[in-house]
């Protein structure tokens, strides 16, 4: 399969080391692209649930493919999240094409983009609530594992697949309210600081939404996850799009059909400026 050249790709919430991680699908996706910049926006490795007893070959293959992209001259920016917070003591490290940071500011085509995981705006990941969050993470992982088993049987029987966790989140008003508040708070801060785009992960909810206030406007983007949604953000030809993984299209070598037709090789005119981190 010929790799697609893309200016910037953002993925987050892979949760390597957990049962819910769709590592095989992610490897297939990574093998289909050659980004100028690959931003890993937090929770790539799940340090909260990491166990030597479970880290299969496919999970190692994700890391191997990311290193391969780096060898192809892709710039890799690893932004720490709450599940891989153990890396935060090494923040602001830069080794060749690899950058490790807690947040990142990128300017593309004269547009400023503020990129961070998003857990700093979630009080359930700090203090005593963090213990409950870790317990909830284990319960979520078991629910995903059960969901996979049931969907495997459903597929064999020719029935549609379902996501229990998505149904729960969509049906609980407090979860919807939390997501809406998360988006509004972050977008408001982005507008105040003059950012054209703000890009997060953390809540496993892929999104592209414009926010407007009396002070200006910004576009809020969320890269989703590789546990349930299997999504990424792709910037090319002056536009951000949400990529949704489709296994059949990628395996058939037709990944380009999943994106708008205006996909070109990385232009020398594209102005990429890397700024100091802030939030």
C-alpha atoms as a PDB file:
ATOM      1  CA  UNK A   1       0.000   0.000   0.000  1.00  0.00           C
ATOM      2  CA  UNK A   2       1.350   3.427  -0.930  1.00  0.00           C
ATOM      3  CA  UNK A   3       1.506   5.773   2.025  1.00  0.00           C
ATOM      4  CA  UNK A   4      -0.537   8.984   1.935  1.00  0.00           C
ATOM      5  CA  UNK A   5       1.478  12.142   2.554  1.00  0.00           C
ATOM      6  CA  UNK A   6      -0.261  14.317   5.158  1.00  0.00           C
ATOM      7  CA  UNK A   7       0.899  17.559   6.781  1.00  0.00           C
ATOM      8  CA  UNK A   8      -0.155  16.758  10.357  1.00  0.00           C
ATOM      9  CA  UNK A   9      -1.798  13.745  12.031  1.00  0.00           C
ATOM     10  CA  UNK A  10      -3.059  13.729  15.630  1.00  0.00           C
ATOM     11  CA  UNK A  11      -3.957  10.553  17.491  1.00  0.00           C
ATOM     12  CA  UNK A  12      -4.685  10.139  21.183  1.00  0.00           C
ATOM     13  CA  UNK A  13      -6.026   7.744  23.787  1.00  0.00           C
ATOM     14  CA  UNK A  14      -4.560   4.571  22.319  1.00  0.00           C
ATOM     15  CA  UNK A  15      -4.178   2.965  25.767  1.00  0.00           C
ATOM     16  CA  UNK A  16      -1.486   0.466  24.842  1.00  0.00           C
ATOM     17  CA  UNK A  17      -1.353  -2.250  27.478  1.00  0.00           C
ATOM     18  CA  UNK A  18      -5.125  -2.564  27.916  1.00  0.00           C
ATOM     19  CA  UNK A  19      -7.626  -5.045  26.477  1.00  0.00           C
ATOM     20  CA  UNK A  20      -9.606  -2.251  24.849  1.00  0.00           C
ATOM     21  CA  UNK A  21      -6.788  -1.026  22.616  1.00  0.00           C
ATOM     22  CA  UNK A  22      -7.314  -1.677  18.893  1.00  0.00           C
ATOM     23  CA  UNK A  23      -3.591  -1.936  18.212  1.00  0.00           C
ATOM     24  CA  UNK A  24      -3.856  -4.035  15.047  1.00  0.00           C
ATOM     25  CA  UNK A  25      -6.125  -1.488  13.397  1.00  0.00           C
ATOM     26  CA  UNK A  26      -3.858   1.367  14.477  1.00  0.00           C
ATOM     27  CA  UNK A  27      -0.807  -0.344  12.963  1.00  0.00           C
ATOM     28  CA  UNK A  28      -2.725  -0.732   9.691  1.00  0.00           C
ATOM     29  CA  UNK A  29      -3.576   2.970   9.753  1.00  0.00           C
ATOM     30  CA  UNK A  30      -0.018   4.053  10.578  1.00  0.00           C
ATOM     31  CA  UNK A  31       1.309   1.953   7.704  1.00  0.00           C
ATOM     32  CA  UNK A  32      -1.020   3.850   5.351  1.00  0.00           C
ATOM     33  CA  UNK A  33       0.299   7.349   6.130  1.00  0.00           C
ATOM     34  CA  UNK A  34       3.489   9.408   6.068  1.00  0.00           C
ATOM     35  CA  UNK A  35       2.818  12.580   8.048  1.00  0.00           C
ATOM     36  CA  UNK A  36       5.101  15.596   8.167  1.00  0.00           C
ATOM     37  CA  UNK A  37       4.235  15.802  11.879  1.00  0.00           C
ATOM     38  CA  UNK A  38       2.674  13.008  13.959  1.00  0.00           C
ATOM     39  CA  UNK A  39       1.290  14.271  17.262  1.00  0.00           C
ATOM     40  CA  UNK A  40       0.600  11.633  19.915  1.00  0.00           C
ATOM     41  CA  UNK A  41      -1.766  13.573  22.140  1.00  0.00           C
ATOM     42  CA  UNK A  42      -1.703  11.661  25.400  1.00  0.00           C
ATOM     43  CA  UNK A  43      -2.693   8.307  26.881  1.00  0.00           C
ATOM     44  CA  UNK A  44      -0.734   6.412  24.245  1.00  0.00           C
ATOM     45  CA  UNK A  45       0.641   3.976  26.835  1.00  0.00           C
ATOM     46  CA  UNK A  46      -1.704   3.267  29.736  1.00  0.00           C
ATOM     47  CA  UNK A  47       0.538   3.552  32.786  1.00  0.00           C
ATOM     48  CA  UNK A  48      -2.441   3.287  35.123  1.00  0.00           C
ATOM     49  CA  UNK A  49      -3.235  -0.265  34.027  1.00  0.00           C
ATOM     50  CA  UNK A  50       0.126  -1.359  32.624  1.00  0.00           C
ATOM     51  CA  UNK A  51       1.018  -4.964  33.395  1.00  0.00           C
ATOM     52  CA  UNK A  52       3.878  -7.171  32.238  1.00  0.00           C
ATOM     53  CA  UNK A  53       1.278  -9.919  31.848  1.00  0.00           C
ATOM     54  CA  UNK A  54      -0.514  -8.084  29.040  1.00  0.00           C
ATOM     55  CA  UNK A  55       1.387  -6.267  26.319  1.00  0.00           C
ATOM     56  CA  UNK A  56       0.870  -8.329  23.151  1.00  0.00           C
ATOM     57  CA  UNK A  57       2.860  -8.224  19.929  1.00  0.00           C
ATOM     58  CA  UNK A  58       0.378  -5.883  18.219  1.00  0.00           C
ATOM     59  CA  UNK A  59       0.972  -3.272  20.950  1.00  0.00           C
ATOM     60  CA  UNK A  60       4.734  -3.472  20.401  1.00  0.00           C
ATOM     61  CA  UNK A  61       4.043  -3.169  16.663  1.00  0.00           C
ATOM     62  CA  UNK A  62       2.406   0.249  17.232  1.00  0.00           C
ATOM     63  CA  UNK A  63       5.592   1.543  18.878  1.00  0.00           C
ATOM     64  CA  UNK A  64       7.707  -0.010  16.132  1.00  0.00           C
ATOM     65  CA  UNK A  65       5.640   1.689  13.406  1.00  0.00           C
ATOM     66  CA  UNK A  66       5.864   5.075  15.127  1.00  0.00           C
ATOM     67  CA  UNK A  67       9.662   4.697  15.245  1.00  0.00           C
ATOM     68  CA  UNK A  68       9.598   3.706  11.575  1.00  0.00           C
ATOM     69  CA  UNK A  69       7.705   6.905  10.714  1.00  0.00           C
ATOM     70  CA  UNK A  70      10.354   8.843  12.600  1.00  0.00           C
ATOM     71  CA  UNK A  71      12.999   7.174  10.435  1.00  0.00           C
ATOM     72  CA  UNK A  72      11.050   8.384   7.387  1.00  0.00           C
ATOM     73  CA  UNK A  73      11.630  11.963   8.626  1.00  0.00           C
ATOM     74  CA  UNK A  74       8.237  12.425  10.291  1.00  0.00           C
ATOM     75  CA  UNK A  75       8.485  14.736  13.295  1.00  0.00           C
ATOM     76  CA  UNK A  76       7.022  12.922  16.329  1.00  0.00           C
ATOM     77  CA  UNK A  77       5.525  15.034  19.109  1.00  0.00           C
ATOM     78  CA  UNK A  78       4.542  13.018  22.181  1.00  0.00           C
ATOM     79  CA  UNK A  79       2.232  15.028  24.455  1.00  0.00           C
ATOM     80  CA  UNK A  80       1.700  13.471  27.857  1.00  0.00           C
ATOM     81  CA  UNK A  81      -1.744  12.631  29.235  1.00  0.00           C
ATOM     82  CA  UNK A  82      -2.988  11.475  32.612  1.00  0.00           C
ATOM     83  CA  UNK A  83      -2.548   7.766  31.866  1.00  0.00           C
ATOM     84  CA  UNK A  84       1.060   8.286  30.754  1.00  0.00           C
ATOM     85  CA  UNK A  85       1.806  11.000  33.314  1.00  0.00           C
ATOM     86  CA  UNK A  86       4.957   9.108  34.379  1.00  0.00           C
ATOM     87  CA  UNK A  87       6.608  10.700  31.336  1.00  0.00           C
ATOM     88  CA  UNK A  88       5.921  14.248  32.514  1.00  0.00           C
ATOM     89  CA  UNK A  89       9.153  14.415  34.497  1.00  0.00           C
ATOM     90  CA  UNK A  90      10.935  14.236  31.127  1.00  0.00           C
ATOM     91  CA  UNK A  91       8.867  16.986  29.476  1.00  0.00           C
ATOM     92  CA  UNK A  92      10.555  19.420  27.093  1.00  0.00           C
ATOM     93  CA  UNK A  93      12.931  16.685  25.966  1.00  0.00           C
ATOM     94  CA  UNK A  94      13.928  16.821  22.305  1.00  0.00           C
ATOM     95  CA  UNK A  95      15.930  14.082  20.589  1.00  0.00           C
ATOM     96  CA  UNK A  96      16.252  14.472  16.840  1.00  0.00           C
ATOM     97  CA  UNK A  97      12.767  14.135  15.351  1.00  0.00           C
ATOM     98  CA  UNK A  98      11.223  13.251  18.727  1.00  0.00           C
ATOM     99  CA  UNK A  99       9.738  15.888  21.055  1.00  0.00           C
ATOM    100  CA  UNK A 100       8.245  15.116  24.470  1.00  0.00           C
ATOM    101  CA  UNK A 101       6.007  17.839  25.946  1.00  0.00           C
ATOM    102  CA  UNK A 102       2.977  18.471  28.131  1.00  0.00           C
ATOM    103  CA  UNK A 103       1.424  20.783  25.534  1.00  0.00           C
ATOM    104  CA  UNK A 104       2.344  22.133  22.145  1.00  0.00           C
ATOM    105  CA  UNK A 105       1.704  25.196  20.020  1.00  0.00           C
ATOM    106  CA  UNK A 106       1.858  24.844  16.273  1.00  0.00           C
ATOM    107  CA  UNK A 107       1.382  27.434  13.557  1.00  0.00           C
ATOM    108  CA  UNK A 108       0.312  26.173  10.144  1.00  0.00           C
ATOM    109  CA  UNK A 109      -0.548  28.423   7.209  1.00  0.00           C
ATOM    110  CA  UNK A 110      -0.684  31.459   9.535  1.00  0.00           C
ATOM    111  CA  UNK A 111      -3.112  29.743  11.914  1.00  0.00           C
ATOM    112  CA  UNK A 112      -2.205  29.134  15.546  1.00  0.00           C
ATOM    113  CA  UNK A 113      -3.101  25.798  17.094  1.00  0.00           C
ATOM    114  CA  UNK A 114      -3.037  24.946  20.800  1.00  0.00           C
ATOM    115  CA  UNK A 115      -2.584  21.220  21.385  1.00  0.00           C
ATOM    116  CA  UNK A 116      -2.764  19.377  24.730  1.00  0.00           C
ATOM    117  CA  UNK A 117      -4.357  16.231  26.123  1.00  0.00           C
ATOM    118  CA  UNK A 118      -7.052  17.911  28.208  1.00  0.00           C
ATOM    119  CA  UNK A 119      -6.813  16.185  31.597  1.00  0.00           C
ATOM    120  CA  UNK A 120      -5.618  19.415  33.254  1.00  0.00           C
ATOM    121  CA  UNK A 121      -9.226  20.631  32.962  1.00  0.00           C
ATOM    122  CA  UNK A 122     -10.639  17.452  34.540  1.00  0.00           C
ATOM    123  CA  UNK A 123     -10.747  17.473  38.346  1.00  0.00           C
ATOM    124  CA  UNK A 124     -11.515  13.725  38.421  1.00  0.00           C
ATOM    125  CA  UNK A 125      -7.883  12.989  37.496  1.00  0.00           C
ATOM    126  CA  UNK A 126      -6.358  14.792  40.488  1.00  0.00           C
ATOM    127  CA  UNK A 127      -6.320  14.360  44.261  1.00  0.00           C
ATOM    128  CA  UNK A 128      -8.482  11.718  45.944  1.00  0.00           C
ATOM    129  CA  UNK A 129     -10.743  11.540  42.891  1.00  0.00           C
ATOM    130  CA  UNK A 130      -7.801  10.087  40.967  1.00  0.00           C
ATOM    131  CA  UNK A 131      -8.126   6.794  42.901  1.00  0.00           C
ATOM    132  CA  UNK A 132     -11.757   6.499  41.808  1.00  0.00           C
ATOM    133  CA  UNK A 133     -10.767   7.395  38.261  1.00  0.00           C
ATOM    134  CA  UNK A 134      -8.211   4.561  38.207  1.00  0.00           C
ATOM    135  CA  UNK A 135     -10.797   2.114  39.546  1.00  0.00           C
ATOM    136  CA  UNK A 136     -13.251   3.346  36.918  1.00  0.00           C
ATOM    137  CA  UNK A 137     -10.583   2.803  34.270  1.00  0.00           C
ATOM    138  CA  UNK A 138     -10.254  -0.856  35.220  1.00  0.00           C
ATOM    139  CA  UNK A 139     -14.038  -1.264  35.113  1.00  0.00           C
ATOM    140  CA  UNK A 140     -14.139   0.444  31.720  1.00  0.00           C
ATOM    141  CA  UNK A 141     -11.439  -1.913  30.417  1.00  0.00           C
ATOM    142  CA  UNK A 142     -13.409  -4.960  31.572  1.00  0.00           C
ATOM    143  CA  UNK A 143     -16.563  -3.579  29.931  1.00  0.00           C
ATOM    144  CA  UNK A 144     -14.659  -3.130  26.661  1.00  0.00           C
ATOM    145  CA  UNK A 145     -13.323  -6.700  26.903  1.00  0.00           C
ATOM    146  CA  UNK A 146     -16.843  -8.050  27.478  1.00  0.00           C
ATOM    147  CA  UNK A 147     -18.089  -5.913  24.601  1.00  0.00           C
ATOM    148  CA  UNK A 148     -15.455  -7.434  22.293  1.00  0.00           C
ATOM    149  CA  UNK A 149     -16.486 -10.969  23.177  1.00  0.00           C
ATOM    150  CA  UNK A 150     -20.151 -10.220  22.559  1.00  0.00           C
ATOM    151  CA  UNK A 151     -19.397  -8.458  19.256  1.00  0.00           C
ATOM    152  CA  UNK A 152     -17.250 -11.389  18.142  1.00  0.00           C
ATOM    153  CA  UNK A 153     -20.227 -13.702  18.656  1.00  0.00           C
ATOM    154  CA  UNK A 154     -22.589 -11.171  17.026  1.00  0.00           C
ATOM    155  CA  UNK A 155     -20.347 -10.970  13.965  1.00  0.00           C
ATOM    156  CA  UNK A 156     -20.352 -14.748  13.623  1.00  0.00           C
ATOM    157  CA  UNK A 157     -24.156 -14.682  13.790  1.00  0.00           C
ATOM    158  CA  UNK A 158     -24.351 -11.908  11.195  1.00  0.00           C
ATOM    159  CA  UNK A 159     -25.710  -9.314  13.609  1.00  0.00           C
ATOM    160  CA  UNK A 160     -24.750  -5.663  14.052  1.00  0.00           C
ATOM    161  CA  UNK A 161     -22.045  -4.781  16.547  1.00  0.00           C
ATOM    162  CA  UNK A 162     -22.772  -2.532  19.514  1.00  0.00           C
ATOM    163  CA  UNK A 163     -20.757  -0.477  21.991  1.00  0.00           C
ATOM    164  CA  UNK A 164     -22.049  -0.747  25.542  1.00  0.00           C
ATOM    165  CA  UNK A 165     -19.818   2.026  26.886  1.00  0.00           C
ATOM    166  CA  UNK A 166     -20.889   4.457  24.160  1.00  0.00           C
ATOM    167  CA  UNK A 167     -24.542   3.670  24.847  1.00  0.00           C
ATOM    168  CA  UNK A 168     -24.015   4.306  28.547  1.00  0.00           C
ATOM    169  CA  UNK A 169     -22.226   7.629  27.942  1.00  0.00           C
ATOM    170  CA  UNK A 170     -24.794   8.767  25.384  1.00  0.00           C
ATOM    171  CA  UNK A 171     -27.694   7.956  27.684  1.00  0.00           C
ATOM    172  CA  UNK A 172     -26.349   9.505  30.878  1.00  0.00           C
ATOM    173  CA  UNK A 173     -27.157  13.216  30.975  1.00  0.00           C
ATOM    174  CA  UNK A 174     -24.313  14.025  33.367  1.00  0.00           C
ATOM    175  CA  UNK A 175     -21.769  12.540  30.934  1.00  0.00           C
ATOM    176  CA  UNK A 176     -23.171  14.622  28.075  1.00  0.00           C
ATOM    177  CA  UNK A 177     -23.118  17.728  30.278  1.00  0.00           C
ATOM    178  CA  UNK A 178     -19.496  17.022  31.249  1.00  0.00           C
ATOM    179  CA  UNK A 179     -18.421  16.727  27.610  1.00  0.00           C
ATOM    180  CA  UNK A 180     -20.224  19.943  26.666  1.00  0.00           C
ATOM    181  CA  UNK A 181     -18.661  21.838  29.583  1.00  0.00           C
ATOM    182  CA  UNK A 182     -15.215  20.445  28.740  1.00  0.00           C
ATOM    183  CA  UNK A 183     -15.507  21.692  25.171  1.00  0.00           C
ATOM    184  CA  UNK A 184     -16.833  25.144  26.147  1.00  0.00           C
ATOM    185  CA  UNK A 185     -14.174  25.786  28.803  1.00  0.00           C
ATOM    186  CA  UNK A 186     -11.314  24.836  26.509  1.00  0.00           C
ATOM    187  CA  UNK A 187     -12.737  26.757  23.536  1.00  0.00           C
ATOM    188  CA  UNK A 188     -13.243  29.844  25.706  1.00  0.00           C
ATOM    189  CA  UNK A 189      -9.622  29.790  26.843  1.00  0.00           C
ATOM    190  CA  UNK A 190      -8.448  29.302  23.271  1.00  0.00           C
ATOM    191  CA  UNK A 191     -10.410  32.367  22.128  1.00  0.00           C
ATOM    192  CA  UNK A 192      -9.009  34.473  24.975  1.00  0.00           C
ATOM    193  CA  UNK A 193      -5.477  33.470  24.010  1.00  0.00           C
ATOM    194  CA  UNK A 194      -5.978  34.107  20.304  1.00  0.00           C
ATOM    195  CA  UNK A 195      -5.802  30.539  18.997  1.00  0.00           C
ATOM    196  CA  UNK A 196      -7.556  29.654  15.752  1.00  0.00           C
ATOM    197  CA  UNK A 197      -7.742  25.991  16.756  1.00  0.00           C
ATOM    198  CA  UNK A 198      -7.570  24.048  20.004  1.00  0.00           C
ATOM    199  CA  UNK A 199      -6.929  20.297  19.832  1.00  0.00           C
ATOM    200  CA  UNK A 200      -7.526  17.809  22.659  1.00  0.00           C
ATOM    201  CA  UNK A 201      -8.082  14.156  23.415  1.00  0.00           C
ATOM    202  CA  UNK A 202      -8.924  12.705  26.850  1.00  0.00           C
ATOM    203  CA  UNK A 203     -12.717  12.386  26.604  1.00  0.00           C
ATOM    204  CA  UNK A 204     -12.720   9.806  23.761  1.00  0.00           C
ATOM    205  CA  UNK A 205     -15.176  11.895  21.782  1.00  0.00           C
ATOM    206  CA  UNK A 206     -14.070  12.808  18.226  1.00  0.00           C
ATOM    207  CA  UNK A 207     -15.300  16.268  17.354  1.00  0.00           C
ATOM    208  CA  UNK A 208     -14.876  19.262  15.064  1.00  0.00           C
ATOM    209  CA  UNK A 209     -16.875  22.243  16.271  1.00  0.00           C
ATOM    210  CA  UNK A 210     -16.691  26.026  15.905  1.00  0.00           C
ATOM    211  CA  UNK A 211     -17.159  28.207  18.992  1.00  0.00           C
ATOM    212  CA  UNK A 212     -17.897  31.929  18.819  1.00  0.00           C
ATOM    213  CA  UNK A 213     -17.978  34.556  21.555  1.00  0.00           C
ATOM    214  CA  UNK A 214     -17.852  38.350  21.820  1.00  0.00           C
ATOM    215  CA  UNK A 215     -14.050  38.041  21.936  1.00  0.00           C
ATOM    216  CA  UNK A 216     -13.688  36.027  18.748  1.00  0.00           C
ATOM    217  CA  UNK A 217     -13.930  32.452  17.543  1.00  0.00           C
ATOM    218  CA  UNK A 218     -12.017  29.190  17.499  1.00  0.00           C
ATOM    219  CA  UNK A 219     -12.426  25.664  16.182  1.00  0.00           C
ATOM    220  CA  UNK A 220     -12.384  22.923  18.811  1.00  0.00           C
ATOM    221  CA  UNK A 221     -11.052  19.560  17.636  1.00  0.00           C
ATOM    222  CA  UNK A 222     -10.876  16.246  19.477  1.00  0.00           C
ATOM    223  CA  UNK A 223      -9.001  13.269  18.071  1.00  0.00           C
ATOM    224  CA  UNK A 224     -11.231  10.676  19.767  1.00  0.00           C
ATOM    225  CA  UNK A 225      -9.542   7.385  20.630  1.00  0.00           C
ATOM    226  CA  UNK A 226      -8.397   3.928  19.484  1.00  0.00           C
ATOM    227  CA  UNK A 227     -10.536   2.028  21.977  1.00  0.00           C
ATOM    228  CA  UNK A 228     -14.042   2.630  20.646  1.00  0.00           C
ATOM    229  CA  UNK A 229     -14.091   5.226  17.879  1.00  0.00           C
ATOM    230  CA  UNK A 230     -10.787   4.446  16.093  1.00  0.00           C
ATOM    231  CA  UNK A 231     -10.321   8.034  14.909  1.00  0.00           C
ATOM    232  CA  UNK A 232      -7.555  10.505  14.145  1.00  0.00           C
ATOM    233  CA  UNK A 233      -7.287  14.128  13.067  1.00  0.00           C
ATOM    234  CA  UNK A 234      -5.619  14.873   9.754  1.00  0.00           C
ATOM    235  CA  UNK A 235      -4.563  18.289   8.469  1.00  0.00           C
ATOM    236  CA  UNK A 236      -3.875  18.650   4.770  1.00  0.00           C
ATOM    237  CA  UNK A 237      -4.615  21.080   1.957  1.00  0.00           C
ATOM    238  CA  UNK A 238      -5.450  23.744   4.562  1.00  0.00           C
ATOM    239  CA  UNK A 239      -8.200  21.767   6.301  1.00  0.00           C
ATOM    240  CA  UNK A 240      -8.663  19.567   9.350  1.00  0.00           C
ATOM    241  CA  UNK A 241     -10.694  16.372   8.968  1.00  0.00           C
ATOM    242  CA  UNK A 242     -11.639  13.554  11.307  1.00  0.00           C
ATOM    243  CA  UNK A 243     -10.398  10.232   9.961  1.00  0.00           C
ATOM    244  CA  UNK A 244     -12.563   7.240  10.897  1.00  0.00           C
ATOM    245  CA  UNK A 245     -10.871   3.891  10.478  1.00  0.00           C
ATOM    246  CA  UNK A 246     -12.505   1.500   8.018  1.00  0.00           C
ATOM    247  CA  UNK A 247     -10.730  -1.808   8.036  1.00  0.00           C
ATOM    248  CA  UNK A 248     -12.029  -3.059   4.702  1.00  0.00           C
ATOM    249  CA  UNK A 249     -10.969   0.106   2.854  1.00  0.00           C
ATOM    250  CA  UNK A 250      -7.467   0.074   4.317  1.00  0.00           C
ATOM    251  CA  UNK A 251      -6.936  -3.622   3.695  1.00  0.00           C
ATOM    252  CA  UNK A 252      -8.070  -3.160   0.110  1.00  0.00           C
ATOM    253  CA  UNK A 253      -5.475  -0.413  -0.329  1.00  0.00           C
ATOM    254  CA  UNK A 254      -8.166   2.241  -0.767  1.00  0.00           C
ATOM    255  CA  UNK A 255      -7.443   4.411   2.279  1.00  0.00           C
ATOM    256  CA  UNK A 256      -7.347   7.555   0.149  1.00  0.00           C
ATOM    257  CA  UNK A 257     -11.058   7.150  -0.540  1.00  0.00           C
ATOM    258  CA  UNK A 258     -11.767   7.817   3.131  1.00  0.00           C
ATOM    259  CA  UNK A 259     -10.647  11.428   2.839  1.00  0.00           C
ATOM    260  CA  UNK A 260     -11.659  14.390   0.686  1.00  0.00           C
ATOM    261  CA  UNK A 261     -10.132  14.310  -2.792  1.00  0.00           C
ATOM    262  CA  UNK A 262      -8.097  17.468  -2.199  1.00  0.00           C
ATOM    263  CA  UNK A 263      -5.102  15.583  -0.810  1.00  0.00           C
ATOM    264  CA  UNK A 264      -1.698  16.726  -2.060  1.00  0.00           C
ATOM    265  CA  UNK A 265       1.896  15.988  -1.200  1.00  0.00           C
ATOM    266  CA  UNK A 266       3.249  18.175   1.614  1.00  0.00           C
ATOM    267  CA  UNK A 267       3.821  21.545  -0.002  1.00  0.00           C
ATOM    268  CA  UNK A 268       7.051  23.467   0.420  1.00  0.00           C
ATOM    269  CA  UNK A 269       4.865  26.546   0.846  1.00  0.00           C
ATOM    270  CA  UNK A 270       3.194  25.173   3.980  1.00  0.00           C
ATOM    271  CA  UNK A 271       4.487  27.322   6.824  1.00  0.00           C
ATOM    272  CA  UNK A 272       5.176  25.137   9.878  1.00  0.00           C
ATOM    273  CA  UNK A 273       6.356  27.085  12.919  1.00  0.00           C
ATOM    274  CA  UNK A 274       6.866  25.383  16.284  1.00  0.00           C
ATOM    275  CA  UNK A 275       6.281  27.636  19.279  1.00  0.00           C
ATOM    276  CA  UNK A 276       7.086  27.468  22.964  1.00  0.00           C
ATOM    277  CA  UNK A 277       4.553  25.508  25.042  1.00  0.00           C
ATOM    278  CA  UNK A 278       1.918  27.207  27.169  1.00  0.00           C
ATOM    279  CA  UNK A 279      -1.309  26.835  29.142  1.00  0.00           C
END
